[in-house]
Amino acid sequence: QVQLVESGGGLVQPGGSLRLSCAASGFTLEYYGIGWFRQAPGKEREGVLCESSLDGRTHYADSVKGRFTISRDNAKNTVYLQMNSLKPEDTAVYYCAADSSGLCTVVASDPYDYWGQGTQVTVSS
């Protein structure tokens, strides 16, 4: 069964850090472009960052540049979103997504084949 499962969300104070995990089953994540998206209450889903499996390049939304990074552990078939210097405006449900073409984009969600169920991140004092 093809599945993406996120974990690692929670409550963190402003300025803190959190690492989200996205574990895949039923397919090999190494060959897929990976996107991380988020959706805050009352807002549209937006791309946060993504990484292509074809050239390893990472693309960032301006709002997270210098604070968020992506990494992969191919042995665990898992990708991670490291979030540092968190701000209250980072509060949202975070989703990982996988694109079988190996490409990635932060400006559209349609190209992605598989999505996780989401994990809540709340940044508040």
Foldseek 3Di string as FASTA:
>chain_A
DWAWAKDWADEAAAQAKTKMKIATPPDQQLQWKKWKWWDDPPGDIFTAKIAFSVPRDMDGDPVQPPFWDKDDDRVRSMIMIIGGRDDQVVWTWMKMFTANVRDDDGHDDVRTDHMHPTDTHGYHD
